[in-house]
Amino acid sequence: MEGVTTMRAISQDVLGGPEVLKEVEVERPVPRPNEVLVRVRAAGVNPTDWKHRATGGFLGEPPFVLGWDVSGVVEETGIGVAAFKPGDEVFGMVSYPFGHGTHAEYVTVPARALTHKPAGIDHTQAGALPLVSLTAWQALVETAGLRRGQRVLIHAAAGGVGHVAVQIAKARGAYVIGTASAGKHDFLREIGVDEPIDYRSTDFAEAVRDVDVVLDTIGGDTGLRSLRVLRPGGIAVSILPVGSQEFYDEAERLGVRAVRMLVDADRAGMRAIAELVEAGQLRATIAGTFPLSEAAKAHELGETGRTKGKLVLLAD
C-alpha cells in the first residue's frame, strides 16, 4: 500500500513460553535484488517455531520474528525478478533456518523459494504446506529415493510432517506403515496409511520388518530402534539434524544407511508439491487457525502434541 512503511509482526524480546510472544510494529522490509515482498495471507506454525521461541536454536538470542511457511500475494519485486509480478499469488518456505520472519504482515523472500499457489486451494491450505511438504519430499524422494512398491515406515504419521509424508509416499506408490496413538488410526487410514501401529501398545521394532525406508520425525531412541526394521541396504532418514554418533555406527553394523537432514528452501520441490496438490494427491489437514495477534495460542496448542495436521496463522 502506497505510503505504508510499517507492519505488524509477532516478536519476542526473551526466550521462554508462548507468553513471550507479542505483537509489535516494525519497519516493513524492502525487497533486495532477486527478492519478492509478499503480503502474507497465511503462515503455518511448526514445531521448529516453538523450539526456537523457547531455546533460540539456530537463531540465538531474540528479538526475532519466527515463521518459515508463507502463502500470500506479491506486493513488490526486487531488481532482476522475472518469475513473479505484483498481484501474483505465491507460496513457499523462506530459507531455513536464517530466512525466518513470516509471522508478520509482510516478508521478503528469495524469488527462487516461491512458486505460484495452486488455484484450487486457499491461502490457509497453501500456508500450511511448504515446510512440512518440503521436509517430507526431500527426505523421502530426494534422499531416500522412494519408489513404487517399496515399504516405508513413517513415525508420528498424524503430525505435520507425518501426514504429508504419508500422502507423498502413497503418490509414489509405496506401502505405508504409520505410527500414532490408537485414537488417530481412523485418520491415518483416511490419508492412506496401509498399516497403522499404536506406538503406546505395540513395539514397532518387533512388529515391523523388511522396510525399505524409515522417516524418523522423533529422533533419539526411536531413530536408533528404527534401524532394526530396515531390510539390508534400506535407509532411515531423520529430520532431527543433531544426535548421537551411535545412529550412524549402528546403521553400519546392521548393513543399512542412516542420514540426518535439514529442510532447505527449493522452488523445484515447491513445484513438485504444487503438482501433487493440483492432482488431488496432497492436502494439509488444518488443526486450527488463529489471527496473527493470537500466535501465542497457536504455540500453546501445538506444544500439547495432540493435534492432527497443521496450525496456521492468518495475517488478514
C-alpha atoms as a PDB file:
ATOM      1  CA  MET A   1       0.000   0.000   0.000  1.00  0.00           C
ATOM      2  CA  GLU A   2       1.401   3.389  -1.044  1.00  0.00           C
ATOM      3  CA  GLY A   3       2.940   5.296   1.838  1.00  0.00           C
ATOM      4  CA  VAL A   4       2.826   2.430   4.336  1.00  0.00           C
ATOM      5  CA  THR A   5       6.266   1.882   5.842  1.00  0.00           C
ATOM      6  CA  THR A   6       5.462  -0.214   8.931  1.00  0.00           C
ATOM      7  CA  MET A   7       3.738  -3.546   9.581  1.00  0.00           C
ATOM      8  CA  ARG A   8       2.528  -5.777  12.378  1.00  0.00           C
ATOM      9  CA  ALA A   9       4.710  -8.735  13.351  1.00  0.00           C
ATOM     10  CA  ILE A  10       4.930 -11.281  16.160  1.00  0.00           C
ATOM     11  CA  SER A  11       8.195 -10.884  18.014  1.00  0.00           C
ATOM     12  CA  GLN A  12       9.817 -11.638  21.371  1.00  0.00           C
ATOM     13  CA  ASP A  13      12.467  -9.987  23.493  1.00  0.00           C
ATOM     14  CA  VAL A  14      13.320 -13.009  25.640  1.00  0.00           C
ATOM     15  CA  LEU A  15      13.294 -16.788  25.316  1.00  0.00           C
ATOM     16  CA  GLY A  16      10.513 -18.659  27.076  1.00  0.00           C
ATOM     17  CA  GLY A  17       6.941 -19.937  26.857  1.00  0.00           C
ATOM     18  CA  PRO A  18       4.198 -18.780  24.491  1.00  0.00           C
ATOM     19  CA  GLU A  19       3.569 -15.749  26.708  1.00  0.00           C
ATOM     20  CA  VAL A  20       6.818 -14.102  25.483  1.00  0.00           C
ATOM     21  CA  LEU A  21       5.284 -13.623  22.018  1.00  0.00           C
ATOM     22  CA  LYS A  22       3.891 -10.155  21.400  1.00  0.00           C
ATOM     23  CA  GLU A  23       2.521  -8.130  18.522  1.00  0.00           C
ATOM     24  CA  VAL A  24       4.823  -5.275  17.569  1.00  0.00           C
ATOM     25  CA  GLU A  25       5.005  -2.645  14.849  1.00  0.00           C
ATOM     26  CA  VAL A  26       8.203  -2.802  12.838  1.00  0.00           C
ATOM     27  CA  GLU A  27       9.553  -1.353   9.628  1.00  0.00           C
ATOM     28  CA  ARG A  28       8.190  -3.029   6.514  1.00  0.00           C
ATOM     29  CA  PRO A  29      11.037  -4.776   4.648  1.00  0.00           C
ATOM     30  CA  VAL A  30      12.135  -3.762   1.149  1.00  0.00           C
ATOM     31  CA  PRO A  31      12.965  -6.473  -1.391  1.00  0.00           C
ATOM     32  CA  ARG A  32      16.589  -6.631  -2.490  1.00  0.00           C
ATOM     33  CA  PRO A  33      17.690  -7.924  -5.919  1.00  0.00           C
ATOM     34  CA  ASN A  34      16.180 -11.362  -6.626  1.00  0.00           C
ATOM     35  CA  GLU A  35      13.765 -10.978  -3.696  1.00  0.00           C
ATOM     36  CA  VAL A  36       9.996 -10.632  -3.567  1.00  0.00           C
ATOM     37  CA  LEU A  37       7.991  -8.708  -0.959  1.00  0.00           C
ATOM     38  CA  VAL A  38       5.000 -10.883  -0.064  1.00  0.00           C
ATOM     39  CA  ARG A  39       1.854  -9.633   1.632  1.00  0.00           C
ATOM     40  CA  VAL A  40       1.316 -12.573   3.987  1.00  0.00           C
ATOM     41  CA  ARG A  41      -2.159 -14.075   3.949  1.00  0.00           C
ATOM     42  CA  ALA A  42      -1.383 -17.267   5.884  1.00  0.00           C
ATOM     43  CA  ALA A  43       1.674 -18.792   7.551  1.00  0.00           C
ATOM     44  CA  GLY A  44       1.991 -22.222   9.105  1.00  0.00           C
ATOM     45  CA  VAL A  45       3.193 -22.771  12.663  1.00  0.00           C
ATOM     46  CA  ASN A  46       5.606 -25.677  13.092  1.00  0.00           C
ATOM     47  CA  PRO A  47       7.416 -27.372  15.989  1.00  0.00           C
ATOM     48  CA  THR A  48      10.575 -25.541  14.933  1.00  0.00           C
ATOM     49  CA  ASP A  49       8.779 -22.280  15.791  1.00  0.00           C
ATOM     50  CA  TRP A  50       8.113 -23.149  19.398  1.00  0.00           C
ATOM     51  CA  LYS A  51      11.549 -24.745  19.789  1.00  0.00           C
ATOM     52  CA  HIS A  52      13.227 -21.565  18.593  1.00  0.00           C
ATOM     53  CA  ARG A  53      10.904 -19.430  20.748  1.00  0.00           C
ATOM     54  CA  ALA A  54      11.956 -21.401  23.835  1.00  0.00           C
ATOM     55  CA  THR A  55      15.664 -22.046  23.169  1.00  0.00           C
ATOM     56  CA  GLY A  56      16.825 -19.666  20.454  1.00  0.00           C
ATOM     57  CA  GLY A  57      18.006 -22.664  18.433  1.00  0.00           C
ATOM     58  CA  PHE A  58      19.904 -21.669  15.319  1.00  0.00           C
ATOM     59  CA  LEU A  59      18.814 -18.044  15.749  1.00  0.00           C
ATOM     60  CA  GLY A  60      20.498 -17.289  19.070  1.00  0.00           C
ATOM     61  CA  GLU A  61      19.157 -14.506  21.238  1.00  0.00           C
ATOM     62  CA  PRO A  62      15.992 -12.537  20.399  1.00  0.00           C
ATOM     63  CA  PRO A  63      14.493 -10.253  19.303  1.00  0.00           C
ATOM     64  CA  PHE A  64      13.360 -12.143  16.190  1.00  0.00           C
ATOM     65  CA  VAL A  65      10.222 -12.839  14.192  1.00  0.00           C
ATOM     66  CA  LEU A  66       9.543 -16.540  13.679  1.00  0.00           C
ATOM     67  CA  GLY A  67       7.807 -18.342  10.822  1.00  0.00           C
ATOM     68  CA  TRP A  68       9.096 -20.123   7.725  1.00  0.00           C
ATOM     69  CA  ASP A  69       5.882 -21.005   5.827  1.00  0.00           C
ATOM     70  CA  VAL A  70       4.186 -18.390   3.704  1.00  0.00           C
ATOM     71  CA  SER A  71       1.249 -18.049   1.334  1.00  0.00           C
ATOM     72  CA  GLY A  72       0.311 -14.637   0.090  1.00  0.00           C
ATOM     73  CA  VAL A  73       0.331 -12.058  -2.680  1.00  0.00           C
ATOM     74  CA  VAL A  74       3.356 -10.455  -4.312  1.00  0.00           C
ATOM     75  CA  GLU A  75       3.384  -6.798  -3.270  1.00  0.00           C
ATOM     76  CA  GLU A  76       6.640  -5.739  -4.885  1.00  0.00           C
ATOM     77  CA  THR A  77       9.558  -7.360  -6.712  1.00  0.00           C
ATOM     78  CA  GLY A  78      13.237  -6.600  -6.355  1.00  0.00           C
ATOM     79  CA  ILE A  79      15.614  -5.973  -9.250  1.00  0.00           C
ATOM     80  CA  GLY A  80      16.016  -8.977 -11.545  1.00  0.00           C
ATOM     81  CA  VAL A  81      12.935 -10.975 -10.532  1.00  0.00           C
ATOM     82  CA  ALA A  82      11.483 -12.454 -13.716  1.00  0.00           C
ATOM     83  CA  ALA A  83       9.166 -15.185 -12.403  1.00  0.00           C
ATOM     84  CA  PHE A  84       6.659 -13.033 -10.498  1.00  0.00           C
ATOM     85  CA  LYS A  85       4.847  -9.725 -10.705  1.00  0.00           C
ATOM     86  CA  PRO A  86       2.796  -7.758  -8.157  1.00  0.00           C
ATOM     87  CA  GLY A  87      -0.591  -9.401  -7.604  1.00  0.00           C
ATOM     88  CA  ASP A  88       0.640 -12.980  -8.137  1.00  0.00           C
ATOM     89  CA  GLU A  89      -0.482 -15.488  -5.513  1.00  0.00           C
ATOM     90  CA  VAL A  90       2.539 -17.441  -4.286  1.00  0.00           C
ATOM     91  CA  PHE A  91       3.539 -19.923  -1.612  1.00  0.00           C
ATOM     92  CA  GLY A  92       6.787 -21.377  -0.335  1.00  0.00           C
ATOM     93  CA  MET A  93       9.230 -21.659   2.523  1.00  0.00           C
ATOM     94  CA  VAL A  94      11.781 -18.970   3.290  1.00  0.00           C
ATOM     95  CA  SER A  95      15.384 -20.134   3.642  1.00  0.00           C
ATOM     96  CA  TYR A  96      15.750 -22.400   6.661  1.00  0.00           C
ATOM     97  CA  PRO A  97      16.842 -21.562   9.285  1.00  0.00           C
ATOM     98  CA  PHE A  98      18.010 -17.986   8.752  1.00  0.00           C
ATOM     99  CA  GLY A  99      15.254 -16.676   6.479  1.00  0.00           C
ATOM    100  CA  HIS A 100      12.608 -16.700   9.247  1.00  0.00           C
ATOM    101  CA  GLY A 101      10.075 -13.912   9.592  1.00  0.00           C
ATOM    102  CA  THR A 102       6.769 -14.963   8.011  1.00  0.00           C
ATOM    103  CA  HIS A 103       4.718 -14.389  11.185  1.00  0.00           C
ATOM    104  CA  ALA A 104       4.156 -10.825  10.065  1.00  0.00           C
ATOM    105  CA  GLU A 105       2.050  -8.856   7.595  1.00  0.00           C
ATOM    106  CA  TYR A 106       4.880  -8.750   5.035  1.00  0.00           C
ATOM    107  CA  VAL A 107       8.063 -10.712   4.426  1.00  0.00           C
ATOM    108  CA  THR A 108      10.838 -10.595   1.857  1.00  0.00           C
ATOM    109  CA  VAL A 109      11.560 -13.969   0.241  1.00  0.00           C
ATOM    110  CA  PRO A 110      14.188 -15.078  -2.289  1.00  0.00           C
ATOM    111  CA  ALA A 111      12.244 -15.446  -5.549  1.00  0.00           C
ATOM    112  CA  ARG A 112      13.603 -18.960  -6.046  1.00  0.00           C
ATOM    113  CA  ALA A 113      11.989 -20.113  -2.783  1.00  0.00           C
ATOM    114  CA  LEU A 114       8.491 -19.449  -4.135  1.00  0.00           C
ATOM    115  CA  THR A 115       6.142 -20.867  -6.721  1.00  0.00           C
ATOM    116  CA  HIS A 116       2.639 -19.939  -7.836  1.00  0.00           C
ATOM    117  CA  LYS A 117      -0.117 -21.023  -5.452  1.00  0.00           C
ATOM    118  CA  PRO A 118      -2.392 -23.679  -6.976  1.00  0.00           C
ATOM    119  CA  ALA A 119      -5.694 -22.002  -7.847  1.00  0.00           C
ATOM    120  CA  GLY A 120      -7.710 -24.837  -6.324  1.00  0.00           C
ATOM    121  CA  ILE A 121      -6.633 -24.215  -2.726  1.00  0.00           C
ATOM    122  CA  ASP A 122      -6.992 -21.215  -0.438  1.00  0.00           C
ATOM    123  CA  HIS A 123      -4.186 -19.398   1.368  1.00  0.00           C
ATOM    124  CA  THR A 124      -4.839 -21.266   4.631  1.00  0.00           C
ATOM    125  CA  GLN A 125      -4.218 -24.596   2.916  1.00  0.00           C
ATOM    126  CA  ALA A 126      -1.245 -23.240   0.974  1.00  0.00           C
ATOM    127  CA  GLY A 127       0.272 -21.626   4.064  1.00  0.00           C
ATOM    128  CA  ALA A 128       0.154 -24.958   5.903  1.00  0.00           C
ATOM    129  CA  LEU A 129       2.073 -26.923   3.291  1.00  0.00           C
ATOM    130  CA  PRO A 130       5.568 -25.629   2.482  1.00  0.00           C
ATOM    131  CA  LEU A 131       7.860 -26.584   5.382  1.00  0.00           C
ATOM    132  CA  VAL A 132       6.283 -29.963   6.121  1.00  0.00           C
ATOM    133  CA  SER A 133       5.914 -30.859   2.449  1.00  0.00           C
ATOM    134  CA  LEU A 134       9.469 -29.885   1.534  1.00  0.00           C
ATOM    135  CA  THR A 135      10.746 -31.808   4.553  1.00  0.00           C
ATOM    136  CA  ALA A 136       8.858 -34.934   3.515  1.00  0.00           C
ATOM    137  CA  TRP A 137       9.721 -34.560  -0.181  1.00  0.00           C
ATOM    138  CA  GLN A 138      13.425 -34.002   0.462  1.00  0.00           C
ATOM    139  CA  ALA A 139      13.563 -36.913   2.931  1.00  0.00           C
ATOM    140  CA  LEU A 140      11.524 -39.494   1.021  1.00  0.00           C
ATOM    141  CA  VAL A 141      12.132 -38.602  -2.621  1.00  0.00           C
ATOM    142  CA  GLU A 142      15.448 -36.774  -2.852  1.00  0.00           C
ATOM    143  CA  THR A 143      17.329 -38.504  -0.024  1.00  0.00           C
ATOM    144  CA  ALA A 144      15.748 -41.982   0.161  1.00  0.00           C
ATOM    145  CA  GLY A 145      14.721 -42.293  -3.497  1.00  0.00           C
ATOM    146  CA  LEU A 146      11.366 -43.833  -2.519  1.00  0.00           C
ATOM    147  CA  ARG A 147       9.740 -45.650  -5.426  1.00  0.00           C
ATOM    148  CA  ARG A 148       6.688 -47.719  -6.307  1.00  0.00           C
ATOM    149  CA  GLY A 149       6.239 -50.949  -4.363  1.00  0.00           C
ATOM    150  CA  GLN A 150       8.625 -50.074  -1.539  1.00  0.00           C
ATOM    151  CA  ARG A 151       7.667 -50.279   2.125  1.00  0.00           C
ATOM    152  CA  VAL A 152       8.027 -47.146   4.236  1.00  0.00           C
ATOM    153  CA  LEU A 153       7.614 -46.603   7.979  1.00  0.00           C
ATOM    154  CA  ILE A 154       6.581 -43.060   8.943  1.00  0.00           C
ATOM    155  CA  HIS A 155       6.795 -42.102  12.610  1.00  0.00           C
ATOM    156  CA  ALA A 156       4.221 -39.691  14.090  1.00  0.00           C
ATOM    157  CA  ALA A 157       2.223 -40.182  10.897  1.00  0.00           C
ATOM    158  CA  ALA A 158      -0.651 -37.947  12.062  1.00  0.00           C
ATOM    159  CA  GLY A 159       1.633 -34.976  12.746  1.00  0.00           C
ATOM    160  CA  GLY A 160       2.504 -32.055  10.497  1.00  0.00           C
ATOM    161  CA  VAL A 161       5.356 -33.672   8.562  1.00  0.00           C
ATOM    162  CA  GLY A 162       3.963 -37.177   9.045  1.00  0.00           C
ATOM    163  CA  HIS A 163       0.526 -36.721   7.497  1.00  0.00           C
ATOM    164  CA  VAL A 164       2.019 -35.008   4.451  1.00  0.00           C
ATOM    165  CA  ALA A 165       4.741 -37.670   4.149  1.00  0.00           C
ATOM    166  CA  VAL A 166       2.063 -40.373   4.090  1.00  0.00           C
ATOM    167  CA  GLN A 167       0.370 -38.713   1.103  1.00  0.00           C
ATOM    168  CA  ILE A 168       3.646 -38.188  -0.758  1.00  0.00           C
ATOM    169  CA  ALA A 169       4.613 -41.830  -0.154  1.00  0.00           C
ATOM    170  CA  LYS A 170       1.228 -43.025  -1.456  1.00  0.00           C
ATOM    171  CA  ALA A 171       1.576 -40.795  -4.519  1.00  0.00           C
ATOM    172  CA  ARG A 172       4.916 -42.567  -5.140  1.00  0.00           C
ATOM    173  CA  GLY A 173       3.173 -45.943  -4.986  1.00  0.00           C
ATOM    174  CA  ALA A 174       4.635 -47.091  -1.661  1.00  0.00           C
ATOM    175  CA  TYR A 175       3.131 -49.332   1.043  1.00  0.00           C
ATOM    176  CA  VAL A 176       2.874 -47.122   4.139  1.00  0.00           C
ATOM    177  CA  ILE A 177       3.166 -48.146   7.787  1.00  0.00           C
ATOM    178  CA  GLY A 178       2.485 -45.302  10.212  1.00  0.00           C
ATOM    179  CA  THR A 179       2.791 -44.887  13.976  1.00  0.00           C
ATOM    180  CA  ALA A 180       0.298 -42.885  16.034  1.00  0.00           C
ATOM    181  CA  SER A 181      -1.867 -43.332  19.116  1.00  0.00           C
ATOM    182  CA  ALA A 182      -4.914 -45.575  18.556  1.00  0.00           C
ATOM    183  CA  GLY A 183      -7.322 -42.629  18.521  1.00  0.00           C
ATOM    184  CA  LYS A 184      -5.681 -41.321  15.350  1.00  0.00           C
ATOM    185  CA  HIS A 185      -5.801 -44.590  13.384  1.00  0.00           C
ATOM    186  CA  ASP A 186      -9.027 -43.750  11.536  1.00  0.00           C
ATOM    187  CA  PHE A 187      -7.390 -40.522  10.399  1.00  0.00           C
ATOM    188  CA  LEU A 188      -4.303 -42.442   9.275  1.00  0.00           C
ATOM    189  CA  ARG A 189      -6.413 -44.779   7.159  1.00  0.00           C
ATOM    190  CA  GLU A 190      -8.253 -41.804   5.634  1.00  0.00           C
ATOM    191  CA  ILE A 191      -4.989 -40.280   4.393  1.00  0.00           C
ATOM    192  CA  GLY A 192      -3.716 -43.588   3.019  1.00  0.00           C
ATOM    193  CA  VAL A 193      -1.811 -45.484   5.719  1.00  0.00           C
ATOM    194  CA  ASP A 194      -1.947 -49.205   4.910  1.00  0.00           C
ATOM    195  CA  GLU A 195      -0.849 -50.392   8.342  1.00  0.00           C
ATOM    196  CA  PRO A 196      -1.350 -48.177  11.426  1.00  0.00           C
ATOM    197  CA  ILE A 197       0.645 -49.044  14.566  1.00  0.00           C
ATOM    198  CA  ASP A 198      -0.263 -47.864  18.067  1.00  0.00           C
ATOM    199  CA  TYR A 199       3.141 -46.950  19.474  1.00  0.00           C
ATOM    200  CA  ARG A 200       1.703 -46.986  23.007  1.00  0.00           C
ATOM    201  CA  SER A 201       0.720 -50.665  22.935  1.00  0.00           C
ATOM    202  CA  THR A 202       2.973 -52.094  20.215  1.00  0.00           C
ATOM    203  CA  ASP A 203       6.758 -52.101  19.885  1.00  0.00           C
ATOM    204  CA  PHE A 204       7.190 -51.113  16.237  1.00  0.00           C
ATOM    205  CA  ALA A 205      10.696 -52.583  16.244  1.00  0.00           C
ATOM    206  CA  GLU A 206       9.168 -56.005  16.917  1.00  0.00           C
ATOM    207  CA  ALA A 207       6.065 -55.625  14.731  1.00  0.00           C
ATOM    208  CA  VAL A 208       7.670 -54.297  11.552  1.00  0.00           C
ATOM    209  CA  ARG A 209      10.170 -55.986   9.248  1.00  0.00           C
ATOM    210  CA  ASP A 210      11.767 -55.591   5.809  1.00  0.00           C
ATOM    211  CA  VAL A 211      11.148 -51.879   5.416  1.00  0.00           C
ATOM    212  CA  ASP A 212      12.929 -50.023   2.607  1.00  0.00           C
ATOM    213  CA  VAL A 213      12.661 -46.516   4.093  1.00  0.00           C
ATOM    214  CA  VAL A 214      12.042 -45.095   7.577  1.00  0.00           C
ATOM    215  CA  LEU A 215      11.128 -41.446   8.078  1.00  0.00           C
ATOM    216  CA  ASP A 216      12.140 -40.594  11.641  1.00  0.00           C
ATOM    217  CA  THR A 217      10.403 -37.460  12.885  1.00  0.00           C
ATOM    218  CA  ILE A 218      11.113 -38.159  16.570  1.00  0.00           C
ATOM    219  CA  GLY A 219      14.849 -38.861  16.945  1.00  0.00           C
ATOM    220  CA  GLY A 220      16.743 -40.330  19.889  1.00  0.00           C
ATOM    221  CA  ASP A 221      15.924 -43.925  20.759  1.00  0.00           C
ATOM    222  CA  THR A 222      13.156 -44.074  18.127  1.00  0.00           C
ATOM    223  CA  GLY A 223      15.648 -43.372  15.360  1.00  0.00           C
ATOM    224  CA  LEU A 224      18.089 -45.927  16.720  1.00  0.00           C
ATOM    225  CA  ARG A 225      15.473 -48.677  17.063  1.00  0.00           C
ATOM    226  CA  SER A 226      14.113 -47.893  13.596  1.00  0.00           C
ATOM    227  CA  LEU A 227      17.326 -49.193  12.053  1.00  0.00           C
ATOM    228  CA  ARG A 228      16.338 -52.728  13.098  1.00  0.00           C
ATOM    229  CA  VAL A 229      13.221 -52.763  10.897  1.00  0.00           C
ATOM    230  CA  LEU A 230      15.105 -51.990   7.679  1.00  0.00           C
ATOM    231  CA  ARG A 231      15.927 -54.602   5.082  1.00  0.00           C
ATOM    232  CA  PRO A 232      19.653 -54.859   4.172  1.00  0.00           C
ATOM    233  CA  GLY A 233      20.561 -51.715   2.258  1.00  0.00           C
ATOM    234  CA  GLY A 234      17.476 -49.830   3.499  1.00  0.00           C
ATOM    235  CA  ILE A 235      17.678 -46.232   4.682  1.00  0.00           C
ATOM    236  CA  ALA A 236      16.491 -44.316   7.744  1.00  0.00           C
ATOM    237  CA  VAL A 237      16.182 -40.565   7.247  1.00  0.00           C
ATOM    238  CA  SER A 238      15.964 -38.485  10.412  1.00  0.00           C
ATOM    239  CA  ILE A 239      14.707 -34.911  10.176  1.00  0.00           C
ATOM    240  CA  LEU A 240      16.322 -34.216  13.561  1.00  0.00           C
ATOM    241  CA  PRO A 241      19.702 -32.911  12.399  1.00  0.00           C
ATOM    242  CA  VAL A 242      21.593 -33.310  15.677  1.00  0.00           C
ATOM    243  CA  GLY A 243      22.078 -36.514  17.659  1.00  0.00           C
ATOM    244  CA  SER A 244      24.499 -39.195  18.733  1.00  0.00           C
ATOM    245  CA  GLN A 245      27.107 -40.890  16.558  1.00  0.00           C
ATOM    246  CA  GLU A 246      25.502 -44.183  17.609  1.00  0.00           C
ATOM    247  CA  PHE A 247      22.809 -43.686  14.942  1.00  0.00           C
ATOM    248  CA  TYR A 248      25.455 -43.950  12.213  1.00  0.00           C
ATOM    249  CA  ASP A 249      27.539 -46.633  13.931  1.00  0.00           C
ATOM    250  CA  GLU A 250      24.547 -48.921  14.468  1.00  0.00           C
ATOM    251  CA  ALA A 251      23.443 -48.455  10.854  1.00  0.00           C
ATOM    252  CA  GLU A 252      26.866 -49.512   9.638  1.00  0.00           C
ATOM    253  CA  ARG A 253      26.809 -52.562  11.912  1.00  0.00           C
ATOM    254  CA  LEU A 254      23.396 -53.604  10.559  1.00  0.00           C
ATOM    255  CA  GLY A 255      24.239 -53.033   6.894  1.00  0.00           C
ATOM    256  CA  VAL A 256      21.758 -50.182   6.427  1.00  0.00           C
ATOM    257  CA  ARG A 257      22.050 -46.451   5.820  1.00  0.00           C
ATOM    258  CA  ALA A 258      21.348 -43.622   8.262  1.00  0.00           C
ATOM    259  CA  VAL A 259      21.020 -39.973   7.238  1.00  0.00           C
ATOM    260  CA  ARG A 260      20.178 -36.799   9.142  1.00  0.00           C
ATOM    261  CA  MET A 261      18.879 -33.806   7.227  1.00  0.00           C
ATOM    262  CA  LEU A 262      17.560 -30.261   7.500  1.00  0.00           C
ATOM    263  CA  VAL A 263      14.890 -28.980   5.148  1.00  0.00           C
ATOM    264  CA  ASP A 264      16.028 -26.330   2.688  1.00  0.00           C
ATOM    265  CA  ALA A 265      14.083 -23.843   0.549  1.00  0.00           C
ATOM    266  CA  ASP A 266      13.704 -25.017  -3.042  1.00  0.00           C
ATOM    267  CA  ARG A 267      11.488 -23.931  -5.953  1.00  0.00           C
ATOM    268  CA  ALA A 268      11.744 -27.308  -7.733  1.00  0.00           C
ATOM    269  CA  GLY A 269      10.477 -29.034  -4.598  1.00  0.00           C
ATOM    270  CA  MET A 270       7.661 -26.495  -4.249  1.00  0.00           C
ATOM    271  CA  ARG A 271       6.658 -27.076  -7.875  1.00  0.00           C
ATOM    272  CA  ALA A 272       6.545 -30.835  -7.255  1.00  0.00           C
ATOM    273  CA  ILE A 273       4.338 -30.189  -4.212  1.00  0.00           C
ATOM    274  CA  ALA A 274       2.078 -27.872  -6.207  1.00  0.00           C
ATOM    275  CA  GLU A 275       1.684 -30.613  -8.844  1.00  0.00           C
ATOM    276  CA  LEU A 276       0.637 -33.130  -6.181  1.00  0.00           C
ATOM    277  CA  VAL A 277      -1.890 -30.603  -4.841  1.00  0.00           C
ATOM    278  CA  GLU A 278      -3.275 -29.982  -8.319  1.00  0.00           C
ATOM    279  CA  ALA A 279      -3.546 -33.741  -8.933  1.00  0.00           C
ATOM    280  CA  GLY A 280      -5.596 -34.129  -5.741  1.00  0.00           C
ATOM    281  CA  GLN A 281      -2.886 -36.267  -4.118  1.00  0.00           C
ATOM    282  CA  LEU A 282      -1.841 -33.883  -1.340  1.00  0.00           C
ATOM    283  CA  ARG A 283      -3.831 -31.832   1.132  1.00  0.00           C
ATOM    284  CA  ALA A 284      -2.944 -30.445   4.545  1.00  0.00           C
ATOM    285  CA  THR A 285      -5.260 -31.220   7.437  1.00  0.00           C
ATOM    286  CA  ILE A 286      -5.811 -27.955   9.319  1.00  0.00           C
ATOM    287  CA  ALA A 287      -5.844 -28.497  13.084  1.00  0.00           C
ATOM    288  CA  GLY A 288      -6.665 -24.857  13.790  1.00  0.00           C
ATOM    289  CA  THR A 289      -6.358 -21.281  12.514  1.00  0.00           C
ATOM    290  CA  PHE A 290      -5.544 -18.193  14.559  1.00  0.00           C
ATOM    291  CA  PRO A 291      -5.271 -14.490  13.768  1.00  0.00           C
ATOM    292  CA  LEU A 292      -1.700 -13.206  13.822  1.00  0.00           C
ATOM    293  CA  SER A 293      -2.361 -11.485  17.156  1.00  0.00           C
ATOM    294  CA  GLU A 294      -3.111 -14.875  18.776  1.00  0.00           C
ATOM    295  CA  ALA A 295       0.158 -16.569  17.824  1.00  0.00           C
ATOM    296  CA  ALA A 296       0.735 -17.482  21.478  1.00  0.00           C
ATOM    297  CA  LYS A 297      -2.479 -19.557  21.474  1.00  0.00           C
ATOM    298  CA  ALA A 298      -1.280 -21.430  18.384  1.00  0.00           C
ATOM    299  CA  HIS A 299       2.005 -22.201  20.124  1.00  0.00           C
ATOM    300  CA  GLU A 300       0.173 -23.407  23.235  1.00  0.00           C
ATOM    301  CA  LEU A 301      -1.996 -25.768  21.219  1.00  0.00           C
ATOM    302  CA  GLY A 302       0.912 -27.023  19.144  1.00  0.00           C
ATOM    303  CA  GLU A 303       3.007 -27.811  22.187  1.00  0.00           C
ATOM    304  CA  THR A 304       0.353 -30.189  23.533  1.00  0.00           C
ATOM    305  CA  GLY A 305       1.453 -32.631  20.834  1.00  0.00           C
ATOM    306  CA  ARG A 306      -2.171 -33.722  20.384  1.00  0.00           C
ATOM    307  CA  THR A 307      -3.063 -32.001  17.131  1.00  0.00           C
ATOM    308  CA  LYS A 308      -3.602 -33.723  13.792  1.00  0.00           C
ATOM    309  CA  GLY A 309      -2.062 -31.868  10.889  1.00  0.00           C
ATOM    310  CA  LYS A 310      -1.140 -28.190  10.896  1.00  0.00           C
ATOM    311  CA  LEU A 311      -1.793 -24.933  12.727  1.00  0.00           C
ATOM    312  CA  VAL A 312      -1.951 -21.752  10.664  1.00  0.00           C
ATOM    313  CA  LEU A 313      -1.752 -18.021  11.434  1.00  0.00           C
ATOM    314  CA  LEU A 314      -3.889 -15.695   9.319  1.00  0.00           C
ATOM    315  CA  ALA A 315      -2.351 -12.277   8.758  1.00  0.00           C
ATOM    316  CA  ASP A 316      -5.501 -10.580   7.425  1.00  0.00           C
END
